[in-house]
Amino acid sequence: MSICTSVTVLVAACLLYACGGGGGGGSSSSSATTPVNPPTSSSGNVATLVVDSGPAGLGYVSDNVAFVTMTVCAPGSTSVCQTIDHILVDTGSVGVRIQAAALSSALLTGLPSQTDSLSRPVGECLQFISSYVWGSIRKADLQIAGEQSSGIPVQVIGDPGFAGVPSACASSGGTQQNTVASFGANGIIGIGAFTNDCGSVCSNGPTSSAGYPYYACTGSSSASCVKIAQGASASAPNQQVPNPVSTFPVDNNGTIITLPSVSGSGQASVVGTLTFGIGTQSNNALGSAQILPLSTATGYITTVLNGVTANASYIDSGTSVYSFRDTLITSCVVGHYTFFCPSAPQTLSASLRGNSGPSATVTFTVANAAAMDYNLSVLPQLAMPKLLSSDFAWGLPFFYGRSVYTAISGASTPQGNGPYVAF
């Protein structure tokens, strides 16, 4: 039995910088599950999405992790390129980050460093909930399905030619995940509801917080790195690592993740789709899906379960479990972590509310984690308790049997501007 301990299981891949409190609400209730018919397209805005055991040589089976394949090229090149599989798809973070170990030496050399106004190479310390990654920021051309981005900043995690981890980053808390095995993927594509990874937190300049994201480094030692401001406005585009979708020429206002329904016992793998754009082509219309506007400050919605209100709720494909506070459901330790372990599966009903409009009723099932087969990659009833009743993570199990839309903040869609989620 193997339990993945990276961002791909247990903890949300929601950045600390993007998360806070939030949520508003309407009053009417509606069921909000749309029929799942994976779209097809001749226009190239659909990528294959797989939930499987993870990259080759991982050493354990990934559970509830969705992956896509992406092509990365040196800017302007058609020959210095590499197609990389098992890139984790994460609606809870923003930006493309690739493990250095997954890149060929030719491609790594061909990706130019991003530099600041003083021509110093830029690096980033990115914090997740209980872990962090460190690496250089380089520029690359990206292609996923038929969509392309040119010369955008991406993070190279564990870049061997870059400076060591600054002490402020290393002391930020959690474990460092600068290898494929610890990270659980060859990289991550953050396609959340914002255009860049840390917004005003980074553009307003360095703070005293331990894990401040951006650094300029003048040498190979960690002591050569100093915190710097990185812009997040139209006058300073793509100083921060951007949401790659927002940089596409078209189909750039959001995404749709579609996965098939799965039986409660789980299965070895599933195949779905990642579609780019909302209402931009005939294959990505919103249809009758229920829209839940997100907090523009935090990206949160509100969940009400058993009379308890969780204002810090989020729908996140980068989290591998349902995670919420419920003291009435029996829990147990599996591996090194605490999960829900009811004696029989528990079917629960929750109300999800956005900042405005009607609420949506969601029914889901939690089963005994100790009795699950962790040789399977698809476990739709896996859940774990949270310490705080204000937090509720709707992880990848929520996506099975649904099409889930994420509209980017400020982007125009036929149903209004983002940010919102819909399903």
Protein backbone atom coordinates (compact mmCIF):
# COMPACT_ATOMS: atom_id res chain seq x y z
CA MET A 1 0.00 0.00 0.00
CA SER A 2 1.31 3.44 -0.87
CA ILE A 3 0.07 6.86 0.11
CA CYS A 4 1.55 9.69 -1.95
CA THR A 5 2.78 12.45 0.34
CA SER A 6 3.26 15.23 -2.18
CA VAL A 7 0.98 18.07 -3.26
CA THR A 8 -0.87 15.48 -5.32
CA VAL A 9 -2.47 13.86 -2.29
CA LEU A 10 -3.73 15.00 1.06
CA VAL A 11 -3.15 18.70 0.80
CA ALA A 12 -4.54 21.35 -1.49
CA ALA A 13 -2.17 22.69 -4.07
CA CYS A 14 -3.78 26.05 -3.30
CA LEU A 15 -1.09 28.66 -2.79
CA LEU A 16 -0.90 30.35 0.56
CA TYR A 17 -0.67 33.66 -1.26
CA ALA A 18 -3.95 33.10 -3.08
CA CYS A 19 -5.95 31.82 -0.14
CA GLY A 20 -7.86 33.74 2.46
CA GLY A 21 -11.45 33.98 3.63
CA GLY A 22 -14.38 34.67 1.42
CA GLY A 23 -17.77 33.80 0.12
CA GLY A 24 -21.18 35.28 -0.18
CA GLY A 25 -24.45 33.66 -0.86
CA GLY A 26 -27.81 33.38 -2.43
CA SER A 27 -30.78 31.51 -1.09
CA SER A 28 -32.41 29.33 -3.72
CA SER A 29 -31.17 25.80 -4.24
CA SER A 30 -30.66 23.81 -7.40
CA SER A 31 -29.07 20.56 -8.40
CA ALA A 32 -25.97 21.42 -10.41
CA THR A 33 -24.55 18.37 -12.13
CA THR A 34 -24.49 18.61 -15.92
CA PRO A 35 -24.43 15.57 -18.20
CA VAL A 36 -20.90 14.43 -18.90
CA ASN A 37 -20.19 14.13 -22.61
CA PRO A 38 -16.45 14.63 -23.16
CA PRO A 39 -16.16 17.22 -25.93
CA THR A 40 -14.42 16.59 -29.18
CA SER A 41 -12.79 19.22 -31.32
CA SER A 42 -11.00 19.66 -34.58
CA SER A 43 -9.79 23.07 -33.42
CA GLY A 44 -7.27 21.72 -30.92
CA ASN A 45 -8.64 23.19 -27.70
CA VAL A 46 -9.06 19.78 -26.03
CA ALA A 47 -6.28 17.87 -24.28
CA THR A 48 -6.50 14.33 -22.98
CA LEU A 49 -6.66 14.16 -19.20
CA VAL A 50 -5.67 10.96 -17.39
CA VAL A 51 -5.88 9.86 -13.79
CA ASP A 52 -3.36 7.06 -13.40
CA SER A 53 -0.47 5.79 -11.29
CA GLY A 54 1.87 8.67 -12.12
CA PRO A 55 5.24 9.16 -13.85
CA ALA A 56 7.49 6.22 -14.65
CA GLY A 57 9.77 5.27 -11.79
CA LEU A 58 7.74 7.15 -9.19
CA GLY A 59 8.03 4.30 -6.71
CA TYR A 60 4.43 4.45 -5.52
CA VAL A 61 0.91 4.68 -6.97
CA SER A 62 -0.58 8.16 -7.21
CA ASP A 63 -4.14 8.40 -5.98
CA ASN A 64 -6.65 10.84 -7.52
CA VAL A 65 -4.12 12.83 -9.55
CA ALA A 66 -5.07 14.22 -12.98
CA PHE A 67 -2.31 14.60 -15.57
CA VAL A 68 -1.83 16.06 -19.06
CA THR A 69 1.03 16.05 -21.56
CA MET A 70 2.69 19.30 -22.62
CA THR A 71 5.37 20.29 -25.13
CA VAL A 72 8.02 22.74 -23.93
CA CYS A 73 10.36 24.56 -26.32
CA ALA A 74 13.14 27.08 -26.08
CA PRO A 75 11.61 30.44 -27.09
CA GLY A 76 11.27 30.66 -30.87
CA SER A 77 12.66 27.16 -31.47
CA THR A 78 11.01 24.25 -33.23
CA SER A 79 13.88 21.86 -32.57
CA VAL A 80 14.93 22.45 -28.95
CA CYS A 81 11.71 20.98 -27.63
CA GLN A 82 10.50 18.21 -25.39
CA THR A 83 7.13 16.58 -24.83
CA ILE A 84 6.64 15.94 -21.12
CA ASP A 85 3.97 13.64 -19.74
CA HIS A 86 2.40 13.52 -16.29
CA ILE A 87 2.02 17.23 -15.72
CA LEU A 88 -0.36 17.64 -12.78
CA VAL A 89 -3.48 19.68 -13.60
CA ASP A 90 -4.29 22.05 -10.75
CA THR A 91 -7.21 24.48 -10.58
CA GLY A 92 -6.01 25.57 -7.13
CA SER A 93 -2.78 27.29 -8.22
CA VAL A 94 -1.47 29.36 -11.10
CA GLY A 95 1.52 28.84 -13.36
CA VAL A 96 3.60 26.18 -15.08
CA ARG A 97 6.33 24.55 -13.00
CA ILE A 98 8.50 21.71 -14.30
CA GLN A 99 10.89 19.46 -12.46
CA ALA A 100 14.45 19.99 -13.70
CA ALA A 101 14.92 16.21 -13.68
CA ALA A 102 12.18 15.91 -16.31
CA LEU A 103 14.03 18.24 -18.74
CA SER A 104 16.81 17.25 -21.11
CA SER A 105 20.08 19.10 -20.66
CA ALA A 106 19.65 20.66 -24.11
CA LEU A 107 16.24 22.07 -23.29
CA LEU A 108 17.26 23.27 -19.84
CA THR A 109 20.22 25.09 -21.38
CA GLY A 110 17.96 26.54 -24.08
CA LEU A 111 15.49 28.14 -21.65
CA PRO A 112 16.76 31.67 -20.94
CA SER A 113 16.66 32.97 -17.39
CA GLN A 114 14.19 35.63 -16.45
CA THR A 115 16.05 38.62 -15.04
CA ASP A 116 15.03 41.65 -13.02
CA SER A 117 15.71 45.30 -13.81
CA LEU A 118 19.31 44.86 -12.62
CA SER A 119 19.84 41.84 -14.92
CA ARG A 120 19.90 39.43 -11.98
CA PRO A 121 18.46 35.92 -12.55
CA VAL A 122 15.10 35.46 -10.83
CA GLY A 123 14.00 32.49 -8.73
CA GLU A 124 10.88 31.63 -6.79
CA CYS A 125 10.05 30.03 -3.46
CA LEU A 126 6.55 28.69 -3.92
CA GLN A 127 4.63 27.60 -0.84
CA PHE A 128 1.87 25.06 -0.87
CA ILE A 129 -0.12 24.22 2.25
CA SER A 130 2.48 21.91 3.80
CA SER A 131 5.40 22.00 1.37
CA TYR A 132 7.41 24.27 -0.89
CA VAL A 133 9.46 24.23 -4.08
CA TRP A 134 12.46 26.34 -5.09
CA GLY A 135 13.88 26.95 -8.52
CA SER A 136 14.74 29.37 -11.27
CA ILE A 137 12.29 31.30 -13.41
CA ARG A 138 12.98 30.78 -17.10
CA LYS A 139 11.14 31.62 -20.30
CA ALA A 140 9.64 29.00 -22.55
CA ASP A 141 7.21 28.36 -25.37
CA LEU A 142 4.45 25.94 -24.40
CA GLN A 143 1.97 23.85 -26.34
CA ILE A 144 -0.86 21.80 -24.91
CA ALA A 145 -3.32 20.28 -27.37
CA GLY A 146 -3.44 22.97 -30.10
CA GLU A 147 -3.02 25.91 -27.71
CA GLN A 148 0.27 27.80 -27.52
CA SER A 149 2.01 30.33 -25.30
CA SER A 150 5.17 32.13 -26.38
CA GLY A 151 8.07 33.12 -24.16
CA ILE A 152 6.23 33.04 -20.83
CA PRO A 153 7.90 32.65 -17.41
CA VAL A 154 7.85 29.11 -16.00
CA GLN A 155 9.50 27.77 -12.88
CA VAL A 156 12.16 25.06 -13.13
CA ILE A 157 11.92 23.22 -9.83
CA GLY A 158 15.25 22.06 -8.44
CA ASP A 159 17.27 23.72 -11.21
CA PRO A 160 20.81 22.38 -10.58
CA GLY A 161 22.47 25.45 -12.10
CA PHE A 162 20.62 27.93 -9.93
CA ALA A 163 21.32 29.26 -6.46
CA GLY A 164 20.70 27.19 -3.36
CA VAL A 165 17.52 27.53 -1.33
CA PRO A 166 17.49 30.83 0.61
CA SER A 167 17.22 30.39 4.37
CA ALA A 168 13.94 32.36 4.44
CA CYS A 169 12.47 29.92 1.93
CA ALA A 170 13.76 26.81 3.67
CA SER A 171 12.32 27.99 6.98
CA SER A 172 8.90 28.71 5.50
CA GLY A 173 7.53 25.41 6.75
CA GLY A 174 6.76 22.03 5.28
CA THR A 175 8.92 19.76 3.18
CA GLN A 176 10.88 20.64 0.09
CA GLN A 177 9.58 18.91 -3.04
CA ASN A 178 12.34 19.46 -5.56
CA THR A 179 12.28 15.93 -7.02
CA VAL A 180 9.78 14.05 -9.15
CA ALA A 181 9.33 11.44 -6.42
CA SER A 182 8.55 13.94 -3.67
CA PHE A 183 6.38 16.10 -5.93
CA GLY A 184 4.52 13.17 -7.46
CA ALA A 185 4.62 14.59 -11.00
CA ASN A 186 6.98 15.81 -13.71
CA GLY A 187 5.49 19.26 -13.27
CA ILE A 188 2.31 21.18 -12.61
CA ILE A 189 0.09 23.35 -14.75
CA GLY A 190 -1.76 25.76 -12.50
CA ILE A 191 -4.96 26.83 -14.27
CA GLY A 192 -6.80 28.46 -11.37
CA ALA A 193 -9.10 31.47 -11.45
CA PHE A 194 -6.39 34.15 -11.46
CA THR A 195 -4.02 35.46 -14.12
CA ASN A 196 -0.80 35.25 -12.09
CA ASP A 197 0.52 33.37 -9.11
CA CYS A 198 0.60 35.91 -6.29
CA GLY A 199 -0.81 39.24 -7.48
CA SER A 200 -0.39 42.30 -5.27
CA VAL A 201 1.34 40.24 -2.58
CA CYS A 202 4.37 40.16 -4.87
CA SER A 203 3.91 43.34 -6.89
CA ASN A 204 3.80 45.50 -3.75
CA GLY A 205 7.32 44.46 -2.83
CA PRO A 206 9.07 42.08 -0.43
CA THR A 207 7.54 41.37 2.92
CA SER A 208 9.02 39.97 6.11
CA SER A 209 7.19 36.67 5.66
CA ALA A 210 9.56 33.72 5.55
CA GLY A 211 8.47 32.27 2.24
CA TYR A 212 8.17 35.41 0.11
CA PRO A 213 8.04 34.16 -3.50
CA TYR A 214 10.47 36.06 -5.73
CA TYR A 215 14.22 36.45 -5.34
CA ALA A 216 17.07 37.82 -7.44
CA CYS A 217 20.24 35.77 -7.16
CA THR A 218 23.70 36.92 -8.19
CA GLY A 219 25.58 33.69 -7.51
CA SER A 220 25.24 30.00 -6.75
CA SER A 221 25.00 30.39 -2.98
CA SER A 222 21.69 30.87 -1.20
CA ALA A 223 23.15 33.95 0.48
CA SER A 224 23.35 35.67 -2.91
CA CYS A 225 19.55 35.82 -3.18
CA VAL A 226 17.48 38.83 -2.12
CA LYS A 227 13.72 39.29 -2.15
CA ILE A 228 12.35 41.41 -5.00
CA ALA A 229 9.02 42.80 -6.17
CA GLN A 230 7.46 41.32 -9.30
CA GLY A 231 4.69 43.19 -11.09
CA ALA A 232 1.18 41.94 -11.73
CA SER A 233 -0.46 44.51 -13.99
CA ALA A 234 -1.00 45.39 -17.62
CA SER A 235 2.01 47.70 -17.42
CA ALA A 236 4.19 44.86 -16.16
CA PRO A 237 2.80 41.71 -17.82
CA ASN A 238 4.22 38.30 -17.03
CA GLN A 239 6.80 39.39 -14.49
CA GLN A 240 5.13 36.82 -12.27
CA VAL A 241 4.57 33.24 -13.41
CA PRO A 242 1.27 33.53 -15.31
CA ASN A 243 -1.73 31.32 -15.78
CA PRO A 244 -0.79 29.81 -19.16
CA VAL A 245 -4.41 29.81 -20.30
CA SER A 246 -4.60 33.59 -19.96
CA THR A 247 -1.67 33.88 -22.39
CA PHE A 248 -3.27 31.85 -25.20
CA PRO A 249 -4.22 33.89 -28.29
CA VAL A 250 -7.75 32.42 -28.13
CA ASP A 251 -9.68 30.14 -25.74
CA ASN A 252 -8.07 32.14 -22.95
CA ASN A 253 -10.91 32.88 -20.53
CA GLY A 254 -11.04 29.60 -18.62
CA THR A 255 -11.06 25.81 -18.66
CA ILE A 256 -13.33 22.79 -18.39
CA ILE A 257 -12.29 19.54 -16.71
CA THR A 258 -14.48 16.57 -17.63
CA LEU A 259 -14.07 13.16 -16.00
CA PRO A 260 -16.37 10.11 -16.16
CA SER A 261 -18.28 8.70 -13.24
CA VAL A 262 -16.49 6.05 -11.18
CA SER A 263 -17.87 3.28 -8.98
CA GLY A 264 -17.30 3.62 -5.26
CA SER A 265 -14.79 0.78 -5.18
CA GLY A 266 -12.45 2.71 -7.49
CA GLN A 267 -10.51 1.68 -10.56
CA ALA A 268 -7.01 1.65 -11.99
CA SER A 269 -7.34 4.73 -14.22
CA VAL A 270 -9.77 6.99 -16.06
CA VAL A 271 -9.50 9.18 -19.13
CA GLY A 272 -11.21 12.54 -19.49
CA THR A 273 -10.59 15.89 -21.13
CA LEU A 274 -9.20 19.32 -20.38
CA THR A 275 -10.92 21.85 -22.63
CA PHE A 276 -9.70 25.41 -23.04
CA GLY A 277 -12.08 28.34 -23.29
CA ILE A 278 -15.63 28.90 -22.04
CA GLY A 279 -18.13 29.86 -24.73
CA THR A 280 -15.40 30.49 -27.28
CA GLN A 281 -16.20 27.52 -29.51
CA SER A 282 -19.08 25.12 -30.12
CA ASN A 283 -17.53 22.50 -27.82
CA ASN A 284 -17.13 24.62 -24.68
CA ALA A 285 -20.51 26.20 -24.05
CA LEU A 286 -21.58 26.49 -20.43
CA GLY A 287 -25.03 25.07 -21.08
CA SER A 288 -27.11 24.58 -17.95
CA ALA A 289 -24.21 24.43 -15.50
CA GLN A 290 -24.71 26.37 -12.26
CA ILE A 291 -22.37 29.35 -11.88
CA LEU A 292 -20.84 30.10 -8.47
CA PRO A 293 -18.99 33.45 -8.49
CA LEU A 294 -15.70 33.32 -6.58
CA SER A 295 -14.29 35.88 -4.19
CA THR A 296 -12.09 38.15 -6.31
CA ALA A 297 -9.65 38.41 -3.39
CA THR A 298 -9.33 34.76 -2.42
CA GLY A 299 -11.05 32.52 -4.97
CA TYR A 300 -13.22 31.02 -2.22
CA ILE A 301 -16.85 29.92 -2.14
CA THR A 302 -18.93 28.86 0.86
CA THR A 303 -19.97 25.32 1.82
CA VAL A 304 -22.71 24.51 4.33
CA LEU A 305 -22.65 20.92 5.61
CA ASN A 306 -24.72 19.71 8.56
CA GLY A 307 -25.44 23.28 9.55
CA VAL A 308 -21.74 24.23 9.66
CA THR A 309 -20.61 27.03 7.34
CA ALA A 310 -17.17 26.82 5.76
CA ASN A 311 -16.40 30.21 4.20
CA ALA A 312 -12.94 29.13 3.01
CA SER A 313 -14.12 26.50 0.52
CA TYR A 314 -12.55 25.75 -2.84
CA ILE A 315 -12.97 23.35 -5.74
CA ASP A 316 -9.47 22.13 -6.54
CA SER A 317 -8.34 19.45 -8.97
CA GLY A 318 -4.90 19.51 -7.32
CA THR A 319 -6.26 18.12 -4.06
CA SER A 320 -6.75 14.36 -4.04
CA VAL A 321 -9.42 14.08 -1.37
CA TYR A 322 -12.53 15.65 0.04
CA SER A 323 -11.25 17.47 3.12
CA PHE A 324 -13.50 19.04 5.74
CA ARG A 325 -14.30 19.17 9.45
CA ASP A 326 -16.77 16.57 10.75
CA THR A 327 -16.31 15.13 14.24
CA LEU A 328 -19.18 12.66 13.81
CA ILE A 329 -17.43 10.56 11.17
CA THR A 330 -14.93 8.03 12.51
CA SER A 331 -11.32 8.67 11.49
CA CYS A 332 -8.20 6.51 11.50
CA VAL A 333 -4.55 6.69 10.52
CA VAL A 334 -3.54 5.19 7.19
CA GLY A 335 0.17 5.42 6.50
CA HIS A 336 1.21 8.69 8.14
CA TYR A 337 -2.07 10.56 7.72
CA THR A 338 -5.53 10.72 9.24
CA PHE A 339 -8.48 9.89 6.99
CA PHE A 340 -12.19 9.38 7.45
CA CYS A 341 -12.91 5.71 8.13
CA PRO A 342 -16.65 5.17 8.71
CA SER A 343 -17.77 1.59 9.23
CA ALA A 344 -20.10 1.98 6.25
CA PRO A 345 -20.04 4.55 3.43
CA GLN A 346 -21.63 7.84 4.45
CA THR A 347 -23.60 9.83 1.88
CA LEU A 348 -23.66 13.53 2.67
CA SER A 349 -25.42 16.54 1.16
CA ALA A 350 -23.89 20.01 1.15
CA SER A 351 -24.90 23.42 -0.16
CA LEU A 352 -22.34 25.41 -2.14
CA ARG A 353 -22.73 29.18 -2.48
CA GLY A 354 -20.83 31.73 -4.47
CA ASN A 355 -20.58 35.45 -3.81
CA SER A 356 -23.97 35.92 -5.43
CA GLY A 357 -26.73 33.97 -7.10
CA PRO A 358 -28.35 30.67 -6.17
CA SER A 359 -26.72 27.86 -4.24
CA ALA A 360 -25.99 24.39 -5.58
CA THR A 361 -26.71 21.15 -3.77
CA VAL A 362 -23.99 18.50 -3.96
CA THR A 363 -24.31 14.93 -2.73
CA PHE A 364 -21.12 12.95 -2.13
CA THR A 365 -20.00 9.77 -0.39
CA VAL A 366 -17.21 9.19 2.11
CA ALA A 367 -15.96 5.64 2.67
CA ASN A 368 -13.45 3.85 4.91
CA ALA A 369 -9.96 4.85 3.79
CA ALA A 370 -8.41 1.93 5.65
CA ALA A 371 -10.34 -0.51 3.46
CA MET A 372 -9.42 1.03 0.10
CA ASP A 373 -7.11 -0.53 -2.46
CA TYR A 374 -4.21 1.88 -2.93
CA ASN A 375 -2.98 -0.04 -5.94
CA LEU A 376 -5.85 1.75 -7.69
CA SER A 377 -5.33 5.33 -8.82
CA VAL A 378 -8.98 6.36 -8.82
CA LEU A 379 -10.57 6.46 -5.35
CA PRO A 380 -13.74 8.58 -5.54
CA GLN A 381 -14.74 8.26 -1.87
CA LEU A 382 -11.42 9.16 -0.24
CA ALA A 383 -11.71 11.92 2.38
CA MET A 384 -9.83 13.30 5.36
CA PRO A 385 -10.68 15.60 8.25
CA LYS A 386 -9.60 19.22 8.53
CA LEU A 387 -8.75 20.95 11.78
CA LEU A 388 -10.78 24.07 10.99
CA SER A 389 -14.51 24.06 10.30
CA SER A 390 -14.06 27.15 8.10
CA ASP A 391 -12.09 25.16 5.48
CA PHE A 392 -13.59 22.79 2.92
CA ALA A 393 -11.61 21.32 0.01
CA TRP A 394 -13.56 19.78 -2.85
CA GLY A 395 -10.72 17.76 -4.36
CA LEU A 396 -10.50 15.59 -7.46
CA PRO A 397 -13.19 13.14 -6.23
CA PHE A 398 -15.66 16.02 -6.78
CA PHE A 399 -14.73 16.08 -10.48
CA TYR A 400 -15.68 12.46 -11.23
CA GLY A 401 -18.93 12.40 -13.21
CA ARG A 402 -18.92 16.16 -13.85
CA SER A 403 -17.77 18.90 -16.15
CA VAL A 404 -16.23 21.59 -13.94
CA TYR A 405 -15.66 25.06 -15.38
CA THR A 406 -13.15 27.60 -14.03
CA ALA A 407 -13.43 31.14 -15.41
CA ILE A 408 -10.40 33.40 -14.98
CA SER A 409 -10.74 36.62 -13.02
CA GLY A 410 -11.59 39.57 -15.26
CA ALA A 411 -11.98 37.41 -18.36
CA SER A 412 -15.15 37.80 -20.38
CA THR A 413 -17.42 34.81 -20.97
CA PRO A 414 -20.92 34.70 -22.49
CA GLN A 415 -22.29 34.29 -18.95
CA GLY A 416 -20.33 37.19 -17.42
CA ASN A 417 -16.81 37.89 -16.27
CA GLY A 418 -14.74 35.57 -14.10
CA PRO A 419 -13.80 34.54 -11.56
CA TYR A 420 -16.32 31.78 -11.17
CA VAL A 421 -16.68 28.02 -11.07
CA ALA A 422 -19.57 26.16 -12.61
CA PHE A 423 -20.74 22.56 -12.82
